[in-house]
N, C-alpha and C. Protein backbone atom coordinates (compact mmCIF):
# COMPACT_ATOMS: atom_id res chain seq x y z
N MET A 1 -29.49 1.67 2.29
CA MET A 1 -28.82 2.75 2.99
C MET A 1 -27.56 2.22 3.65
N GLU A 2 -26.55 3.01 3.64
CA GLU A 2 -25.29 2.57 4.18
C GLU A 2 -24.87 3.31 5.45
N ASP A 3 -25.62 4.34 5.81
CA ASP A 3 -25.22 5.09 7.00
C ASP A 3 -26.18 4.81 8.16
N ALA A 4 -25.68 5.00 9.37
CA ALA A 4 -26.46 4.70 10.57
C ALA A 4 -27.64 5.65 10.72
N ASP A 5 -27.46 6.93 10.35
CA ASP A 5 -28.55 7.90 10.50
C ASP A 5 -29.74 7.51 9.62
N GLY A 6 -29.47 7.10 8.41
CA GLY A 6 -30.54 6.67 7.51
C GLY A 6 -31.23 5.42 8.03
N ALA A 7 -30.45 4.52 8.63
CA ALA A 7 -31.03 3.30 9.19
C ALA A 7 -31.93 3.63 10.37
N VAL A 8 -31.50 4.56 11.21
CA VAL A 8 -32.31 4.95 12.37
C VAL A 8 -33.60 5.62 11.89
N ALA A 9 -33.50 6.46 10.87
CA ALA A 9 -34.70 7.13 10.34
C ALA A 9 -35.68 6.11 9.78
N GLU A 10 -35.15 5.11 9.05
CA GLU A 10 -36.02 4.07 8.48
C GLU A 10 -36.65 3.24 9.59
N LEU A 11 -35.89 2.97 10.64
CA LEU A 11 -36.41 2.21 11.77
C LEU A 11 -37.52 2.99 12.46
N ALA A 12 -37.36 4.31 12.56
CA ALA A 12 -38.38 5.16 13.19
C ALA A 12 -39.68 5.14 12.40
N LYS A 13 -39.56 4.93 11.07
CA LYS A 13 -40.76 4.86 10.22
C LYS A 13 -41.40 3.48 10.27
N GLY A 14 -40.80 2.56 11.01
CA GLY A 14 -41.38 1.22 11.11
C GLY A 14 -40.64 0.19 10.28
N GLY A 15 -39.45 0.53 9.83
CA GLY A 15 -38.67 -0.40 9.02
C GLY A 15 -37.94 -1.42 9.87
N VAL A 16 -37.31 -2.36 9.22
CA VAL A 16 -36.53 -3.40 9.88
C VAL A 16 -35.08 -3.22 9.46
N VAL A 17 -34.17 -3.19 10.43
CA VAL A 17 -32.75 -3.03 10.14
C VAL A 17 -32.09 -4.39 10.32
N VAL A 18 -31.36 -4.82 9.29
CA VAL A 18 -30.70 -6.12 9.32
C VAL A 18 -29.20 -5.90 9.21
N GLN A 19 -28.44 -6.54 10.10
CA GLN A 19 -26.97 -6.46 10.04
C GLN A 19 -26.45 -7.72 9.36
N VAL A 20 -25.80 -7.53 8.23
CA VAL A 20 -25.24 -8.64 7.46
C VAL A 20 -23.75 -8.70 7.76
N PRO A 21 -23.16 -9.91 7.88
CA PRO A 21 -21.71 -9.99 8.14
C PRO A 21 -20.92 -9.15 7.16
N GLY A 22 -19.87 -8.53 7.65
CA GLY A 22 -19.07 -7.65 6.82
C GLY A 22 -19.45 -6.20 7.02
N SER A 23 -20.23 -5.91 8.05
CA SER A 23 -20.62 -4.55 8.41
C SER A 23 -21.44 -3.85 7.33
N LEU A 24 -22.16 -4.61 6.52
CA LEU A 24 -23.04 -4.02 5.52
C LEU A 24 -24.40 -3.84 6.18
N LEU A 25 -24.87 -2.61 6.22
CA LEU A 25 -26.14 -2.32 6.88
C LEU A 25 -27.22 -2.27 5.81
N VAL A 26 -28.26 -3.08 5.96
CA VAL A 26 -29.34 -3.13 4.98
C VAL A 26 -30.63 -2.76 5.70
N VAL A 27 -31.40 -1.87 5.11
CA VAL A 27 -32.66 -1.45 5.70
C VAL A 27 -33.78 -1.89 4.78
N VAL A 28 -34.76 -2.58 5.35
CA VAL A 28 -35.90 -3.06 4.58
C VAL A 28 -37.14 -2.39 5.14
N ALA A 29 -37.94 -1.81 4.28
CA ALA A 29 -39.16 -1.14 4.73
C ALA A 29 -40.14 -2.16 5.29
N ALA A 30 -40.88 -1.74 6.32
CA ALA A 30 -41.86 -2.63 6.94
C ALA A 30 -43.08 -2.77 6.05
N GLY A 31 -43.76 -3.87 6.18
CA GLY A 31 -44.97 -4.11 5.41
C GLY A 31 -45.56 -5.42 5.86
N ALA A 32 -46.21 -6.12 4.95
CA ALA A 32 -46.76 -7.44 5.28
C ALA A 32 -45.59 -8.36 5.62
N GLY A 33 -45.78 -9.62 5.79
CA GLY A 33 -44.73 -10.56 6.16
C GLY A 33 -43.64 -10.68 5.11
N ARG A 34 -43.89 -10.16 3.92
CA ARG A 34 -42.95 -10.29 2.81
C ARG A 34 -41.61 -9.60 3.09
N ASP A 35 -41.63 -8.43 3.71
CA ASP A 35 -40.39 -7.70 3.99
C ASP A 35 -39.56 -8.42 5.05
N ARG A 36 -40.21 -9.04 6.01
CA ARG A 36 -39.48 -9.79 7.03
C ARG A 36 -38.79 -10.98 6.36
N GLN A 37 -39.47 -11.63 5.41
CA GLN A 37 -38.86 -12.75 4.69
C GLN A 37 -37.66 -12.28 3.88
N CYS A 38 -37.78 -11.10 3.29
CA CYS A 38 -36.66 -10.53 2.53
C CYS A 38 -35.48 -10.29 3.45
N ALA A 39 -35.73 -9.76 4.64
CA ALA A 39 -34.66 -9.52 5.60
C ALA A 39 -34.00 -10.83 6.01
N GLU A 40 -34.81 -11.88 6.21
CA GLU A 40 -34.26 -13.19 6.57
C GLU A 40 -33.38 -13.74 5.44
N ARG A 41 -33.83 -13.56 4.20
CA ARG A 41 -33.02 -14.03 3.05
C ARG A 41 -31.70 -13.29 2.98
N LEU A 42 -31.72 -11.98 3.24
CA LEU A 42 -30.48 -11.21 3.22
C LEU A 42 -29.52 -11.71 4.30
N THR A 43 -30.07 -12.04 5.47
CA THR A 43 -29.25 -12.56 6.55
C THR A 43 -28.66 -13.90 6.14
N LEU A 44 -29.47 -14.76 5.53
CA LEU A 44 -28.96 -16.06 5.07
C LEU A 44 -27.88 -15.89 4.01
N GLN A 45 -28.06 -14.91 3.12
CA GLN A 45 -27.04 -14.66 2.11
C GLN A 45 -25.73 -14.24 2.78
N GLY A 46 -25.82 -13.44 3.83
CA GLY A 46 -24.63 -13.05 4.56
C GLY A 46 -23.94 -14.25 5.19
N VAL A 47 -24.74 -15.19 5.69
CA VAL A 47 -24.17 -16.41 6.27
C VAL A 47 -23.47 -17.21 5.19
N ARG A 48 -24.09 -17.31 4.03
CA ARG A 48 -23.47 -18.04 2.92
C ARG A 48 -22.14 -17.40 2.54
N GLU A 49 -22.09 -16.08 2.53
CA GLU A 49 -20.84 -15.39 2.20
C GLU A 49 -19.80 -15.66 3.27
N ALA A 50 -20.22 -15.69 4.53
CA ALA A 50 -19.29 -15.99 5.62
C ALA A 50 -18.79 -17.43 5.50
N GLU A 51 -19.70 -18.34 5.15
CA GLU A 51 -19.29 -19.74 4.97
C GLU A 51 -18.33 -19.87 3.80
N ARG A 52 -18.58 -19.12 2.73
CA ARG A 52 -17.69 -19.16 1.57
C ARG A 52 -16.30 -18.66 1.94
N ALA A 53 -16.24 -17.59 2.72
CA ALA A 53 -14.95 -17.06 3.16
C ALA A 53 -14.23 -18.08 4.05
N GLU A 54 -14.99 -18.74 4.93
CA GLU A 54 -14.37 -19.75 5.80
C GLU A 54 -13.87 -20.93 4.97
N LEU A 55 -14.64 -21.33 3.97
CA LEU A 55 -14.22 -22.43 3.10
C LEU A 55 -12.93 -22.08 2.35
N GLU A 56 -12.83 -20.86 1.87
CA GLU A 56 -11.60 -20.43 1.19
C GLU A 56 -10.42 -20.45 2.15
N ARG A 57 -10.64 -20.01 3.40
CA ARG A 57 -9.58 -20.02 4.41
C ARG A 57 -9.14 -21.45 4.70
N LEU A 58 -10.11 -22.35 4.85
CA LEU A 58 -9.79 -23.75 5.14
C LEU A 58 -9.03 -24.40 3.98
N ARG A 59 -9.43 -24.08 2.75
CA ARG A 59 -8.71 -24.62 1.59
C ARG A 59 -7.28 -24.11 1.55
N ARG A 60 -7.10 -22.85 1.86
CA ARG A 60 -5.76 -22.27 1.87
C ARG A 60 -4.90 -22.95 2.94
N GLU A 61 -5.48 -23.15 4.13
CA GLU A 61 -4.76 -23.83 5.21
C GLU A 61 -4.39 -25.26 4.79
N MET A 62 -5.32 -25.95 4.15
CA MET A 62 -5.08 -27.33 3.72
C MET A 62 -3.95 -27.37 2.69
N SER A 63 -3.93 -26.41 1.79
CA SER A 63 -2.87 -26.34 0.80
C SER A 63 -1.51 -26.13 1.46
N GLU A 64 -1.49 -25.23 2.46
CA GLU A 64 -0.24 -24.98 3.18
C GLU A 64 0.22 -26.24 3.92
N LYS A 65 -0.72 -26.95 4.51
CA LYS A 65 -0.38 -28.18 5.23
C LYS A 65 0.12 -29.25 4.27
N ASP A 66 -0.51 -29.37 3.10
CA ASP A 66 -0.06 -30.34 2.10
C ASP A 66 1.36 -30.03 1.66
N THR A 67 1.66 -28.76 1.47
CA THR A 67 3.02 -28.36 1.09
C THR A 67 4.01 -28.74 2.18
N ARG A 68 3.65 -28.49 3.43
CA ARG A 68 4.54 -28.83 4.56
C ARG A 68 4.73 -30.34 4.66
N ILE A 69 3.68 -31.11 4.43
CA ILE A 69 3.79 -32.57 4.46
C ILE A 69 4.76 -33.06 3.39
N ARG A 70 4.66 -32.51 2.19
CA ARG A 70 5.58 -32.91 1.11
C ARG A 70 7.02 -32.58 1.49
N GLU A 71 7.24 -31.42 2.09
CA GLU A 71 8.59 -31.04 2.52
C GLU A 71 9.13 -32.02 3.57
N LEU A 72 8.29 -32.37 4.54
CA LEU A 72 8.71 -33.30 5.59
C LEU A 72 8.99 -34.69 5.02
N GLU A 73 8.18 -35.11 4.05
CA GLU A 73 8.43 -36.41 3.42
C GLU A 73 9.77 -36.42 2.69
N MET A 74 10.09 -35.32 2.01
CA MET A 74 11.38 -35.24 1.32
C MET A 74 12.52 -35.27 2.33
N GLU A 75 12.40 -34.55 3.43
CA GLU A 75 13.43 -34.57 4.46
C GLU A 75 13.60 -35.98 5.03
N ARG A 76 12.50 -36.66 5.25
CA ARG A 76 12.56 -38.03 5.76
C ARG A 76 13.31 -38.94 4.80
N ASP A 77 13.01 -38.81 3.50
CA ASP A 77 13.68 -39.64 2.50
C ASP A 77 15.18 -39.36 2.48
N VAL A 78 15.57 -38.10 2.59
CA VAL A 78 16.99 -37.75 2.61
C VAL A 78 17.66 -38.36 3.83
N LEU A 79 17.00 -38.27 4.99
CA LEU A 79 17.58 -38.84 6.21
C LEU A 79 17.69 -40.36 6.12
N LYS A 80 16.72 -41.00 5.49
CA LYS A 80 16.80 -42.46 5.30
C LYS A 80 18.03 -42.82 4.47
N ARG A 81 18.24 -42.06 3.39
CA ARG A 81 19.39 -42.33 2.53
C ARG A 81 20.72 -42.10 3.29
N CYS A 82 20.73 -41.07 4.11
CA CYS A 82 21.94 -40.78 4.91
C CYS A 82 22.22 -41.92 5.88
N MET A 83 21.18 -42.45 6.50
CA MET A 83 21.36 -43.55 7.45
C MET A 83 21.85 -44.81 6.74
N VAL A 84 21.36 -45.06 5.53
CA VAL A 84 21.83 -46.22 4.77
C VAL A 84 23.31 -46.05 4.45
N LEU A 85 23.71 -44.88 4.01
CA LEU A 85 25.12 -44.63 3.68
C LEU A 85 25.99 -44.71 4.93
N TRP A 86 25.52 -44.21 6.05
CA TRP A 86 26.28 -44.21 7.29
C TRP A 86 26.46 -45.64 7.82
N ALA A 87 25.41 -46.48 7.65
CA ALA A 87 25.46 -47.85 8.14
C ALA A 87 26.45 -48.71 7.34
N LYS A 88 26.73 -48.37 6.11
CA LYS A 88 27.66 -49.15 5.28
C LYS A 88 29.02 -48.95 5.72
């Protein structure tokens, strides 16, 4: 179920409502311990998705930093050459 009213109705029947990162609302019907385990797995899957998103963000940042480092190294090399020419 994706709406709050359906989640509340399921909760009133004895269900378990799990909030997964990304505002995805998942409702699992109550029963033996198996449904609680299913809810825990869904929560873990949400964490894995959040970790994956963070990893992608970190990789993107690292790529941007690597690009900036290369630019600074080129600027440094140009300045070194200028200083050599100026010293002559």
